């Protein structure tokens, strides 16, 4: 049971012991919950209209936004593990949505890029994704949205640093 001084959204409360712990104020949980809810809402569209998963959409989005790149760069950009990237890339290759260009100097290294059908999916999904983003961010003022992006950048960098130090 929560006390009045430990309500969801009370950013001033920070647990320092097991007795003070609450999922409602535990930042990693709140971020994961938000991510899951947003992804679940969009996943139905990707699956039904384009027959792709969230991981596959991430690859398409990265290649569509950033251009051709190797799997390791995609992995770092998307914060996905090797297996996720490999499986998503294999499914997209099989479906003909991406192309794979093997490096002649290092046969283990390959650059991935969107094919015509992959670019078409990207062009169709981006407006839908932008609509969803607008709907989600409509709860925020422009200043709040700007502040949130800045805060997420800070947290992302710290999380990357935590990953490096725990690897």
Foldseek 3Di string as FASTA:
>chain_A
DDDPCDDQPNQVDDDDDPVSDDLSNPVVSVVVVVVVVLQVVCQVVCCVPPNAGPLLVLVLQCCLVPNKDWLVVSCVVVVHDPVSSVVSVVVCVVVQQKDWAADPVDRVIIIIHGDPVSNVVNVVCVVVVVVSVCVVCVVDDPVRVVVVVVVVVVVVVVVVVVVVVVD
